[in-house]
Amino acid sequence: MLLVATLVIGLAVAGGRSGADSERAPPIRDASGPLSTAGCARDDEERHTREFTLRLARPEGVRTALVRVPARAAGRRSPLVVALHGGGASGRFMKGYSGLAPVSDRAGFIAVFPDATGAQRFWNLNATTAPDDVGFAAALIERVATVACVDPARVFAVGVSNGGGLAARVGCELSERVAGIVVVAGGFRSLPPCDPVRPVSVLEIHGSNDASVPYGGDPEDGHAGDVRAWLAGWAGRDRCAGVKPPRTVAPRAVRSDWRGCAPGVALAHIEVLGGGHQWPGATPPDPGPPSTFSAAQQAWAFLAPLRARRAG
């Protein structure tokens, strides 16, 4: 089933200024070089919230993303959050649905809401077939840095459902660029092997009663996609020593944090007790028990203190 597949997609853009930009560069996957600083000179001239659509030429066709640069980010190196919608939705829908736009405005991070391609608007979680959505994410980060002032040490990816699966891939395959990821109700069953070049901070949020992406994985396939097994994999990659006692962060929401991870790296998990396949705090709400916290606020609280460290 698709997260938000049956919901009405709102098309209103609140505030800001709309426009367009385009990109005609070849596909990019190498994310080891420095980010462009061209956007910092441009941003210094802007003192209001900007919202516009970027268009990038890719092998599969022109790709699009909605970019929101809040007034607080103008003229200074700011964090960048790439927010990946669920299957069947869009970047514009993700902007309103996730609640990340108002958090961006308050905190001063640049929020980017890209669109999946194809009639069904699904992100490709397969590393061997087209389209190369991880390559698109890498190219998008590079492009945003030419039109907004991005702090290269604070680039993050957030995703829900099918977009959560792509955020997980981004954490593995773009670890030289991305300092942290947040995965909400993500599916891990079909992901390729993960071999990051450096530790990446990870927050995973998942409902214990998720029927679309079961918390315990697929029982008919050796429990492939099990959330705790996926987290254990990241505990090894992030060189964590163990798990602290869990704590309640909201009604029906229990958080576990790992200890002794690599310097500057955090690993955490919020289990939504009785929760379904949902982004907590979504607008409009997903089916299932009412949310008791905001995934957008929890995501930014986790990402805000992070900075990328050198590989090794």
C-alpha atoms as a PDB file:
ATOM      1  CA  MET A   1       0.000   0.000   0.000  1.00  0.00           C
ATOM      2  CA  LEU A   2       1.115   3.567  -0.584  1.00  0.00           C
ATOM      3  CA  LEU A   3       1.441   6.051   2.202  1.00  0.00           C
ATOM      4  CA  VAL A   4      -0.790   9.036   1.390  1.00  0.00           C
ATOM      5  CA  ALA A   5      -1.897   7.427  -1.872  1.00  0.00           C
ATOM      6  CA  THR A   6      -5.552   8.059  -1.080  1.00  0.00           C
ATOM      7  CA  LEU A   7      -5.122  11.560   0.290  1.00  0.00           C
ATOM      8  CA  VAL A   8      -5.958  14.758  -1.544  1.00  0.00           C
ATOM      9  CA  ILE A   9      -2.777  16.538  -2.637  1.00  0.00           C
ATOM     10  CA  GLY A  10      -2.910  20.208  -1.656  1.00  0.00           C
ATOM     11  CA  LEU A  11      -1.460  22.575  -4.236  1.00  0.00           C
ATOM     12  CA  ALA A  12      -1.460  25.864  -2.317  1.00  0.00           C
ATOM     13  CA  VAL A  13       1.899  27.539  -1.698  1.00  0.00           C
ATOM     14  CA  ALA A  14       1.849  29.670   1.436  1.00  0.00           C
ATOM     15  CA  GLY A  15       3.999  32.771   1.350  1.00  0.00           C
ATOM     16  CA  GLY A  16       7.329  33.327  -0.338  1.00  0.00           C
ATOM     17  CA  ARG A  17       8.098  33.963  -3.989  1.00  0.00           C
ATOM     18  CA  SER A  18       7.777  31.467  -6.843  1.00  0.00           C
ATOM     19  CA  GLY A  19      10.079  31.137  -9.824  1.00  0.00           C
ATOM     20  CA  ALA A  20      12.083  28.581 -11.790  1.00  0.00           C
ATOM     21  CA  ASP A  21      15.646  27.492 -12.336  1.00  0.00           C
ATOM     22  CA  SER A  22      17.139  24.814 -14.568  1.00  0.00           C
ATOM     23  CA  GLU A  23      20.151  22.545 -14.662  1.00  0.00           C
ATOM     24  CA  ARG A  24      21.808  21.045 -17.708  1.00  0.00           C
ATOM     25  CA  ALA A  25      24.770  19.311 -16.089  1.00  0.00           C
ATOM     26  CA  PRO A  26      25.620  15.629 -16.648  1.00  0.00           C
ATOM     27  CA  PRO A  27      24.560  13.091 -14.013  1.00  0.00           C
ATOM     28  CA  ILE A  28      26.437  13.492 -10.720  1.00  0.00           C
ATOM     29  CA  ARG A  29      27.182  10.792  -8.146  1.00  0.00           C
ATOM     30  CA  ASP A  30      30.621  11.852  -6.846  1.00  0.00           C
ATOM     31  CA  ALA A  31      29.812  13.741  -3.657  1.00  0.00           C
ATOM     32  CA  SER A  32      33.337  13.816  -2.238  1.00  0.00           C
ATOM     33  CA  GLY A  33      34.318  17.266  -3.521  1.00  0.00           C
ATOM     34  CA  PRO A  34      33.470  20.596  -1.896  1.00  0.00           C
ATOM     35  CA  LEU A  35      30.010  22.054  -2.370  1.00  0.00           C
ATOM     36  CA  SER A  36      29.657  25.203  -4.428  1.00  0.00           C
ATOM     37  CA  THR A  37      29.611  28.515  -2.546  1.00  0.00           C
ATOM     38  CA  ALA A  38      27.928  30.400  -5.396  1.00  0.00           C
ATOM     39  CA  GLY A  39      24.619  30.364  -3.554  1.00  0.00           C
ATOM     40  CA  CYS A  40      26.088  32.278  -0.622  1.00  0.00           C
ATOM     41  CA  ALA A  41      26.774  35.361  -2.738  1.00  0.00           C
ATOM     42  CA  ARG A  42      23.257  35.218  -4.158  1.00  0.00           C
ATOM     43  CA  ASP A  43      21.652  34.584  -0.781  1.00  0.00           C
ATOM     44  CA  ASP A  44      23.338  37.622   0.723  1.00  0.00           C
ATOM     45  CA  GLU A  45      21.111  39.770  -1.482  1.00  0.00           C
ATOM     46  CA  GLU A  46      17.894  38.075  -0.325  1.00  0.00           C
ATOM     47  CA  ARG A  47      16.247  39.010   2.968  1.00  0.00           C
ATOM     48  CA  HIS A  48      12.874  37.314   2.615  1.00  0.00           C
ATOM     49  CA  THR A  49      11.602  33.771   2.312  1.00  0.00           C
ATOM     50  CA  ARG A  50      12.133  32.400  -1.184  1.00  0.00           C
ATOM     51  CA  GLU A  51      10.225  29.458  -2.600  1.00  0.00           C
ATOM     52  CA  PHE A  52      10.880  28.238  -6.127  1.00  0.00           C
ATOM     53  CA  THR A  53      11.089  25.168  -8.328  1.00  0.00           C
ATOM     54  CA  LEU A  54      14.395  23.742  -9.506  1.00  0.00           C
ATOM     55  CA  ARG A  55      14.525  21.695 -12.713  1.00  0.00           C
ATOM     56  CA  LEU A  56      17.406  19.316 -13.366  1.00  0.00           C
ATOM     57  CA  ALA A  57      18.096  17.470 -16.612  1.00  0.00           C
ATOM     58  CA  ARG A  58      18.728  13.802 -15.853  1.00  0.00           C
ATOM     59  CA  PRO A  59      19.015  10.696 -18.068  1.00  0.00           C
ATOM     60  CA  GLU A  60      15.383   9.813 -17.306  1.00  0.00           C
ATOM     61  CA  GLY A  61      14.183  13.345 -18.140  1.00  0.00           C
ATOM     62  CA  VAL A  62      13.727  16.662 -16.377  1.00  0.00           C
ATOM     63  CA  ARG A  63      13.427  16.266 -12.604  1.00  0.00           C
ATOM     64  CA  THR A  64      11.887  18.832 -10.278  1.00  0.00           C
ATOM     65  CA  ALA A  65      12.104  19.914  -6.651  1.00  0.00           C
ATOM     66  CA  LEU A  66      10.414  22.592  -4.590  1.00  0.00           C
ATOM     67  CA  VAL A  67      12.992  24.628  -2.645  1.00  0.00           C
ATOM     68  CA  ARG A  68      12.190  26.799   0.375  1.00  0.00           C
ATOM     69  CA  VAL A  69      14.862  29.188   1.666  1.00  0.00           C
ATOM     70  CA  PRO A  70      13.543  30.903   4.805  1.00  0.00           C
ATOM     71  CA  ALA A  71      14.416  34.495   5.592  1.00  0.00           C
ATOM     72  CA  ARG A  72      16.514  33.342   8.545  1.00  0.00           C
ATOM     73  CA  ALA A  73      18.801  31.424   6.169  1.00  0.00           C
ATOM     74  CA  ALA A  74      19.582  34.441   3.986  1.00  0.00           C
ATOM     75  CA  GLY A  75      23.253  35.409   3.844  1.00  0.00           C
ATOM     76  CA  ARG A  76      24.599  32.639   6.074  1.00  0.00           C
ATOM     77  CA  ARG A  77      25.649  29.039   5.635  1.00  0.00           C
ATOM     78  CA  SER A  78      22.544  27.094   6.567  1.00  0.00           C
ATOM     79  CA  PRO A  79      21.616  23.438   7.022  1.00  0.00           C
ATOM     80  CA  LEU A  80      19.932  21.699   4.086  1.00  0.00           C
ATOM     81  CA  VAL A  81      17.183  19.100   4.574  1.00  0.00           C
ATOM     82  CA  VAL A  82      16.077  17.039   1.555  1.00  0.00           C
ATOM     83  CA  ALA A  83      12.570  15.725   2.341  1.00  0.00           C
ATOM     84  CA  LEU A  84      11.448  12.678   0.319  1.00  0.00           C
ATOM     85  CA  HIS A  85       7.721  12.069  -0.069  1.00  0.00           C
ATOM     86  CA  GLY A  86       5.953   8.725   0.121  1.00  0.00           C
ATOM     87  CA  GLY A  87       4.944   6.703  -2.922  1.00  0.00           C
ATOM     88  CA  GLY A  88       2.243   8.313  -5.037  1.00  0.00           C
ATOM     89  CA  ALA A  89       2.698  11.792  -3.554  1.00  0.00           C
ATOM     90  CA  SER A  90       4.821  14.791  -4.598  1.00  0.00           C
ATOM     91  CA  GLY A  91       7.308  17.265  -3.195  1.00  0.00           C
ATOM     92  CA  ARG A  92       4.636  19.941  -2.898  1.00  0.00           C
ATOM     93  CA  PHE A  93       2.403  17.531  -1.000  1.00  0.00           C
ATOM     94  CA  MET A  94       5.311  16.606   1.301  1.00  0.00           C
ATOM     95  CA  LYS A  95       5.815  20.268   2.140  1.00  0.00           C
ATOM     96  CA  GLY A  96       2.333  20.607   3.663  1.00  0.00           C
ATOM     97  CA  TYR A  97       1.883  17.042   4.853  1.00  0.00           C
ATOM     98  CA  SER A  98       5.136  16.756   6.812  1.00  0.00           C
ATOM     99  CA  GLY A  99       5.022  20.056   8.703  1.00  0.00           C
ATOM    100  CA  LEU A 100       8.669  20.640   7.825  1.00  0.00           C
ATOM    101  CA  ALA A 101       8.073  24.049   6.198  1.00  0.00           C
ATOM    102  CA  PRO A 102       7.126  25.919   9.408  1.00  0.00           C
ATOM    103  CA  VAL A 103       9.930  24.133  11.281  1.00  0.00           C
ATOM    104  CA  SER A 104      12.302  25.290   8.521  1.00  0.00           C
ATOM    105  CA  ASP A 105      11.086  28.867   8.845  1.00  0.00           C
ATOM    106  CA  ARG A 106      11.611  28.889  12.616  1.00  0.00           C
ATOM    107  CA  ALA A 107      14.944  27.059  12.647  1.00  0.00           C
ATOM    108  CA  GLY A 108      16.423  28.620   9.508  1.00  0.00           C
ATOM    109  CA  PHE A 109      17.273  25.522   7.486  1.00  0.00           C
ATOM    110  CA  ILE A 110      16.799  25.197   3.717  1.00  0.00           C
ATOM    111  CA  ALA A 111      14.080  22.638   2.932  1.00  0.00           C
ATOM    112  CA  VAL A 112      13.983  20.838  -0.417  1.00  0.00           C
ATOM    113  CA  PHE A 113      10.999  18.736  -1.501  1.00  0.00           C
ATOM    114  CA  PRO A 114      11.895  16.757  -4.654  1.00  0.00           C
ATOM    115  CA  ASP A 115       9.512  14.807  -6.884  1.00  0.00           C
ATOM    116  CA  ALA A 116       9.827  11.143  -7.760  1.00  0.00           C
ATOM    117  CA  THR A 117       9.505  10.339 -11.448  1.00  0.00           C
ATOM    118  CA  GLY A 118       7.095   8.137 -13.387  1.00  0.00           C
ATOM    119  CA  ALA A 119       3.330   7.909 -13.459  1.00  0.00           C
ATOM    120  CA  GLN A 120       3.200   6.326 -10.002  1.00  0.00           C
ATOM    121  CA  ARG A 121       5.758   8.722  -8.492  1.00  0.00           C
ATOM    122  CA  PHE A 122       7.770   6.049  -6.702  1.00  0.00           C
ATOM    123  CA  TRP A 123      11.390   6.343  -5.614  1.00  0.00           C
ATOM    124  CA  ASN A 124      13.617   3.597  -6.994  1.00  0.00           C
ATOM    125  CA  LEU A 125      15.137   1.576  -4.151  1.00  0.00           C
ATOM    126  CA  ASN A 126      16.984  -0.757  -6.525  1.00  0.00           C
ATOM    127  CA  ALA A 127      20.641   0.095  -7.100  1.00  0.00           C
ATOM    128  CA  THR A 128      20.866  -1.672 -10.468  1.00  0.00           C
ATOM    129  CA  THR A 129      17.915  -0.237 -12.401  1.00  0.00           C
ATOM    130  CA  ALA A 130      16.887   3.209 -13.628  1.00  0.00           C
ATOM    131  CA  PRO A 131      16.112   5.843 -12.575  1.00  0.00           C
ATOM    132  CA  ASP A 132      19.135   6.571 -10.424  1.00  0.00           C
ATOM    133  CA  ASP A 133      17.359   8.395  -7.626  1.00  0.00           C
ATOM    134  CA  VAL A 134      20.432   8.486  -5.389  1.00  0.00           C
ATOM    135  CA  GLY A 135      22.263  10.185  -8.255  1.00  0.00           C
ATOM    136  CA  PHE A 136      19.356  12.618  -8.526  1.00  0.00           C
ATOM    137  CA  ALA A 137      19.635  13.379  -4.803  1.00  0.00           C
ATOM    138  CA  ALA A 138      23.372  14.021  -5.169  1.00  0.00           C
ATOM    139  CA  ALA A 139      22.853  16.284  -8.173  1.00  0.00           C
ATOM    140  CA  LEU A 140      20.050  18.124  -6.396  1.00  0.00           C
ATOM    141  CA  ILE A 141      22.239  18.881  -3.372  1.00  0.00           C
ATOM    142  CA  GLU A 142      24.964  20.189  -5.681  1.00  0.00           C
ATOM    143  CA  ARG A 143      22.483  22.360  -7.557  1.00  0.00           C
ATOM    144  CA  VAL A 144      20.811  23.821  -4.462  1.00  0.00           C
ATOM    145  CA  ALA A 145      24.239  24.941  -3.241  1.00  0.00           C
ATOM    146  CA  THR A 146      24.527  27.180  -6.322  1.00  0.00           C
ATOM    147  CA  VAL A 147      21.288  29.043  -5.578  1.00  0.00           C
ATOM    148  CA  ALA A 148      21.242  29.049  -1.748  1.00  0.00           C
ATOM    149  CA  CYS A 149      23.938  29.230   0.923  1.00  0.00           C
ATOM    150  CA  VAL A 150      24.367  25.630   2.129  1.00  0.00           C
ATOM    151  CA  ASP A 151      26.555  24.554   5.038  1.00  0.00           C
ATOM    152  CA  PRO A 152      28.375  21.493   3.612  1.00  0.00           C
ATOM    153  CA  ALA A 153      28.746  19.973   7.091  1.00  0.00           C
ATOM    154  CA  ARG A 154      24.983  20.040   7.715  1.00  0.00           C
ATOM    155  CA  VAL A 155      23.316  18.292   4.782  1.00  0.00           C
ATOM    156  CA  PHE A 156      20.536  15.869   5.770  1.00  0.00           C
ATOM    157  CA  ALA A 157      17.889  13.604   4.236  1.00  0.00           C
ATOM    158  CA  VAL A 158      14.444  12.836   5.649  1.00  0.00           C
ATOM    159  CA  GLY A 159      11.938  10.434   4.123  1.00  0.00           C
ATOM    160  CA  VAL A 160       8.629   8.712   4.761  1.00  0.00           C
ATOM    161  CA  SER A 161       7.494   5.270   3.587  1.00  0.00           C
ATOM    162  CA  ASN A 162       8.952   4.703   0.089  1.00  0.00           C
ATOM    163  CA  GLY A 163      10.819   8.010   0.541  1.00  0.00           C
ATOM    164  CA  GLY A 164      12.145   6.661   3.823  1.00  0.00           C
ATOM    165  CA  GLY A 165      13.659   3.766   1.908  1.00  0.00           C
ATOM    166  CA  LEU A 166      15.417   6.221  -0.389  1.00  0.00           C
ATOM    167  CA  ALA A 167      16.625   8.270   2.602  1.00  0.00           C
ATOM    168  CA  ALA A 168      18.137   5.040   3.937  1.00  0.00           C
ATOM    169  CA  ARG A 169      19.946   4.512   0.617  1.00  0.00           C
ATOM    170  CA  VAL A 170      21.154   8.119   0.639  1.00  0.00           C
ATOM    171  CA  GLY A 171      22.660   7.576   4.092  1.00  0.00           C
ATOM    172  CA  CYS A 172      24.581   4.571   2.800  1.00  0.00           C
ATOM    173  CA  GLU A 173      25.619   5.824  -0.633  1.00  0.00           C
ATOM    174  CA  LEU A 174      26.079   9.558  -0.050  1.00  0.00           C
ATOM    175  CA  SER A 175      27.683   9.371   3.388  1.00  0.00           C
ATOM    176  CA  GLU A 176      30.532  11.598   2.193  1.00  0.00           C
ATOM    177  CA  ARG A 177      27.949  14.351   1.701  1.00  0.00           C
ATOM    178  CA  VAL A 178      25.124  13.629   4.183  1.00  0.00           C
ATOM    179  CA  ALA A 179      25.680  13.950   7.933  1.00  0.00           C
ATOM    180  CA  GLY A 180      22.390  12.447   9.077  1.00  0.00           C
ATOM    181  CA  ILE A 181      19.128  10.867   7.977  1.00  0.00           C
ATOM    182  CA  VAL A 182      15.656  10.478   9.459  1.00  0.00           C
ATOM    183  CA  VAL A 183      13.538   7.561   8.243  1.00  0.00           C
ATOM    184  CA  VAL A 184       9.818   7.442   9.083  1.00  0.00           C
ATOM    185  CA  ALA A 185       7.823   4.256   8.358  1.00  0.00           C
ATOM    186  CA  GLY A 186      10.519   3.278   5.878  1.00  0.00           C
ATOM    187  CA  GLY A 187      10.801  -0.071   4.132  1.00  0.00           C
ATOM    188  CA  PHE A 188      14.177  -1.821   4.305  1.00  0.00           C
ATOM    189  CA  ARG A 189      13.401  -5.210   2.788  1.00  0.00           C
ATOM    190  CA  SER A 190      14.611  -4.501  -0.762  1.00  0.00           C
ATOM    191  CA  LEU A 191      17.518  -2.154  -0.048  1.00  0.00           C
ATOM    192  CA  PRO A 192      20.964  -2.928  -1.501  1.00  0.00           C
ATOM    193  CA  PRO A 193      23.939  -3.605   0.802  1.00  0.00           C
ATOM    194  CA  CYS A 194      25.029  -0.610   2.870  1.00  0.00           C
ATOM    195  CA  ASP A 195      28.697   0.378   2.987  1.00  0.00           C
ATOM    196  CA  PRO A 196      29.097   4.064   3.951  1.00  0.00           C
ATOM    197  CA  VAL A 197      32.549   5.639   3.786  1.00  0.00           C
ATOM    198  CA  ARG A 198      31.972   7.274   7.174  1.00  0.00           C
ATOM    199  CA  PRO A 199      29.465   6.943  10.046  1.00  0.00           C
ATOM    200  CA  VAL A 200      26.135   8.708   9.547  1.00  0.00           C
ATOM    201  CA  SER A 201      23.683   9.740  12.256  1.00  0.00           C
ATOM    202  CA  VAL A 202      20.318   7.983  11.998  1.00  0.00           C
ATOM    203  CA  LEU A 203      16.871   8.444  13.556  1.00  0.00           C
ATOM    204  CA  GLU A 204      14.200   5.864  12.698  1.00  0.00           C
ATOM    205  CA  ILE A 205      10.510   6.362  13.610  1.00  0.00           C
ATOM    206  CA  HIS A 206       8.110   3.449  13.123  1.00  0.00           C
ATOM    207  CA  GLY A 207       4.674   2.304  14.262  1.00  0.00           C
ATOM    208  CA  SER A 208       4.647  -1.078  15.994  1.00  0.00           C
ATOM    209  CA  ASN A 209       1.412  -2.001  14.166  1.00  0.00           C
ATOM    210  CA  ASP A 210       2.459  -0.817  10.703  1.00  0.00           C
ATOM    211  CA  ALA A 211       0.609  -3.155   8.332  1.00  0.00           C
ATOM    212  CA  SER A 212       2.208  -1.780   5.151  1.00  0.00           C
ATOM    213  CA  VAL A 213       5.826  -2.004   6.299  1.00  0.00           C
ATOM    214  CA  PRO A 214       5.722  -4.402   9.266  1.00  0.00           C
ATOM    215  CA  TYR A 215       7.881  -3.457  12.231  1.00  0.00           C
ATOM    216  CA  GLY A 216       9.200  -7.009  12.469  1.00  0.00           C
ATOM    217  CA  GLY A 217       9.734  -7.426   8.734  1.00  0.00           C
ATOM    218  CA  ASP A 218       8.144  -9.909   6.368  1.00  0.00           C
ATOM    219  CA  PRO A 219       7.428 -13.161   8.272  1.00  0.00           C
ATOM    220  CA  GLU A 220       7.281 -15.074   4.980  1.00  0.00           C
ATOM    221  CA  ASP A 221      10.753 -13.901   3.986  1.00  0.00           C
ATOM    222  CA  GLY A 222      12.810 -14.532   7.094  1.00  0.00           C
ATOM    223  CA  HIS A 223      11.585 -11.262   8.616  1.00  0.00           C
ATOM    224  CA  ALA A 224      13.453  -9.276   5.969  1.00  0.00           C
ATOM    225  CA  GLY A 225      13.136  -5.570   6.650  1.00  0.00           C
ATOM    226  CA  ASP A 226      12.949  -5.965  10.430  1.00  0.00           C
ATOM    227  CA  VAL A 227      13.350  -2.493  11.970  1.00  0.00           C
ATOM    228  CA  ARG A 228      15.505  -3.617  14.880  1.00  0.00           C
ATOM    229  CA  ALA A 229      17.783  -5.612  12.586  1.00  0.00           C
ATOM    230  CA  TRP A 230      18.197  -2.534  10.353  1.00  0.00           C
ATOM    231  CA  LEU A 231      19.063  -0.431  13.400  1.00  0.00           C
ATOM    232  CA  ALA A 232      21.534  -3.067  14.575  1.00  0.00           C
ATOM    233  CA  GLY A 233      23.263  -2.775  11.209  1.00  0.00           C
ATOM    234  CA  TRP A 234      23.679   0.958  11.716  1.00  0.00           C
ATOM    235  CA  ALA A 235      24.870   0.426  15.287  1.00  0.00           C
ATOM    236  CA  GLY A 236      27.746  -1.558  13.819  1.00  0.00           C
ATOM    237  CA  ARG A 237      28.511   0.971  11.075  1.00  0.00           C
ATOM    238  CA  ASP A 238      28.365   3.850  13.575  1.00  0.00           C
ATOM    239  CA  ARG A 239      30.587   1.924  16.039  1.00  0.00           C
ATOM    240  CA  CYS A 240      28.046   2.197  18.865  1.00  0.00           C
ATOM    241  CA  ALA A 241      28.682   0.345  22.128  1.00  0.00           C
ATOM    242  CA  GLY A 242      25.125  -0.396  23.226  1.00  0.00           C
ATOM    243  CA  VAL A 243      21.650   0.972  23.879  1.00  0.00           C
ATOM    244  CA  LYS A 244      20.608   3.224  26.724  1.00  0.00           C
ATOM    245  CA  PRO A 245      17.426   2.418  28.669  1.00  0.00           C
ATOM    246  CA  PRO A 246      14.378   3.502  26.624  1.00  0.00           C
ATOM    247  CA  ARG A 247      12.416   6.588  27.640  1.00  0.00           C
ATOM    248  CA  THR A 248       8.925   7.856  26.884  1.00  0.00           C
ATOM    249  CA  VAL A 249       8.990  11.037  24.767  1.00  0.00           C
ATOM    250  CA  ALA A 250       5.216  11.318  24.236  1.00  0.00           C
ATOM    251  CA  PRO A 251       2.158   9.182  24.972  1.00  0.00           C
ATOM    252  CA  ARG A 252       2.629   5.847  23.148  1.00  0.00           C
ATOM    253  CA  ALA A 253       6.087   6.879  21.895  1.00  0.00           C
ATOM    254  CA  VAL A 254       9.218   5.258  23.306  1.00  0.00           C
ATOM    255  CA  ARG A 255      12.689   6.410  22.289  1.00  0.00           C
ATOM    256  CA  SER A 256      15.907   4.378  22.378  1.00  0.00           C
ATOM    257  CA  ASP A 257      19.325   6.008  21.991  1.00  0.00           C
ATOM    258  CA  TRP A 258      22.575   4.182  21.359  1.00  0.00           C
ATOM    259  CA  ARG A 259      25.678   5.097  23.371  1.00  0.00           C
ATOM    260  CA  GLY A 260      29.372   5.170  22.610  1.00  0.00           C
ATOM    261  CA  CYS A 261      28.969   5.778  18.874  1.00  0.00           C
ATOM    262  CA  ALA A 262      31.641   7.337  16.658  1.00  0.00           C
ATOM    263  CA  PRO A 263      32.522  10.935  17.637  1.00  0.00           C
ATOM    264  CA  GLY A 264      29.724  13.331  16.754  1.00  0.00           C
ATOM    265  CA  VAL A 265      27.409  10.527  15.571  1.00  0.00           C
ATOM    266  CA  ALA A 266      23.977   9.691  17.018  1.00  0.00           C
ATOM    267  CA  LEU A 267      21.698   6.701  16.515  1.00  0.00           C
ATOM    268  CA  ALA A 268      18.126   6.722  17.829  1.00  0.00           C
ATOM    269  CA  HIS A 269      14.757   5.065  17.343  1.00  0.00           C
ATOM    270  CA  ILE A 270      11.212   6.092  18.275  1.00  0.00           C
ATOM    271  CA  GLU A 271       8.728   3.226  18.419  1.00  0.00           C
ATOM    272  CA  VAL A 272       5.137   4.435  18.143  1.00  0.00           C
ATOM    273  CA  LEU A 273       3.275   1.919  20.277  1.00  0.00           C
ATOM    274  CA  GLY A 274       0.202   0.760  18.382  1.00  0.00           C
ATOM    275  CA  GLY A 275       1.016   3.158  15.567  1.00  0.00           C
ATOM    276  CA  GLY A 276       0.285   2.334  11.950  1.00  0.00           C
ATOM    277  CA  HIS A 277       1.864   3.348   8.657  1.00  0.00           C
ATOM    278  CA  GLN A 278       2.035   7.054   9.327  1.00  0.00           C
ATOM    279  CA  TRP A 279       4.051  10.252   9.643  1.00  0.00           C
ATOM    280  CA  PRO A 280       3.235  11.412  13.178  1.00  0.00           C
ATOM    281  CA  GLY A 281       1.712  14.880  13.128  1.00  0.00           C
ATOM    282  CA  ALA A 282       0.888  14.783   9.403  1.00  0.00           C
ATOM    283  CA  THR A 283      -1.538  17.203   7.745  1.00  0.00           C
ATOM    284  CA  PRO A 284      -3.972  15.711   6.889  1.00  0.00           C
ATOM    285  CA  PRO A 285      -3.503  12.927   9.446  1.00  0.00           C
ATOM    286  CA  ASP A 286      -2.743   9.425   8.214  1.00  0.00           C
ATOM    287  CA  PRO A 287      -5.159   6.609   9.110  1.00  0.00           C
ATOM    288  CA  GLY A 288      -4.554   5.039  12.488  1.00  0.00           C
ATOM    289  CA  PRO A 289      -4.350   6.122  16.107  1.00  0.00           C
ATOM    290  CA  PRO A 290      -4.036   9.904  16.566  1.00  0.00           C
ATOM    291  CA  SER A 291      -0.458  11.166  16.704  1.00  0.00           C
ATOM    292  CA  THR A 292       0.951  12.282  20.037  1.00  0.00           C
ATOM    293  CA  PHE A 293       4.027  14.094  18.664  1.00  0.00           C
ATOM    294  CA  SER A 294       5.341  15.790  15.540  1.00  0.00           C
ATOM    295  CA  ALA A 295       7.783  13.798  13.409  1.00  0.00           C
ATOM    296  CA  ALA A 296       8.926  17.082  11.843  1.00  0.00           C
ATOM    297  CA  GLN A 297       9.883  18.532  15.215  1.00  0.00           C
ATOM    298  CA  GLN A 298      11.514  15.309  16.386  1.00  0.00           C
ATOM    299  CA  ALA A 299      13.458  15.072  13.128  1.00  0.00           C
ATOM    300  CA  TRP A 300      14.871  18.583  13.415  1.00  0.00           C
ATOM    301  CA  ALA A 301      15.630  18.226  17.143  1.00  0.00           C
ATOM    302  CA  PHE A 302      17.711  15.169  16.223  1.00  0.00           C
ATOM    303  CA  LEU A 303      19.447  16.728  13.204  1.00  0.00           C
ATOM    304  CA  ALA A 304      20.063  20.266  14.533  1.00  0.00           C
ATOM    305  CA  PRO A 305      23.213  19.550  16.592  1.00  0.00           C
ATOM    306  CA  LEU A 306      24.854  17.309  13.968  1.00  0.00           C
ATOM    307  CA  ARG A 307      27.844  18.192  11.811  1.00  0.00           C
ATOM    308  CA  ALA A 308      29.621  15.922   9.363  1.00  0.00           C
ATOM    309  CA  ARG A 309      33.040  14.605  10.390  1.00  0.00           C
ATOM    310  CA  ARG A 310      35.907  13.596   8.147  1.00  0.00           C
ATOM    311  CA  ALA A 311      35.823  10.040   6.844  1.00  0.00           C
ATOM    312  CA  GLY A 312      37.639   7.487   8.913  1.00  0.00           C
END
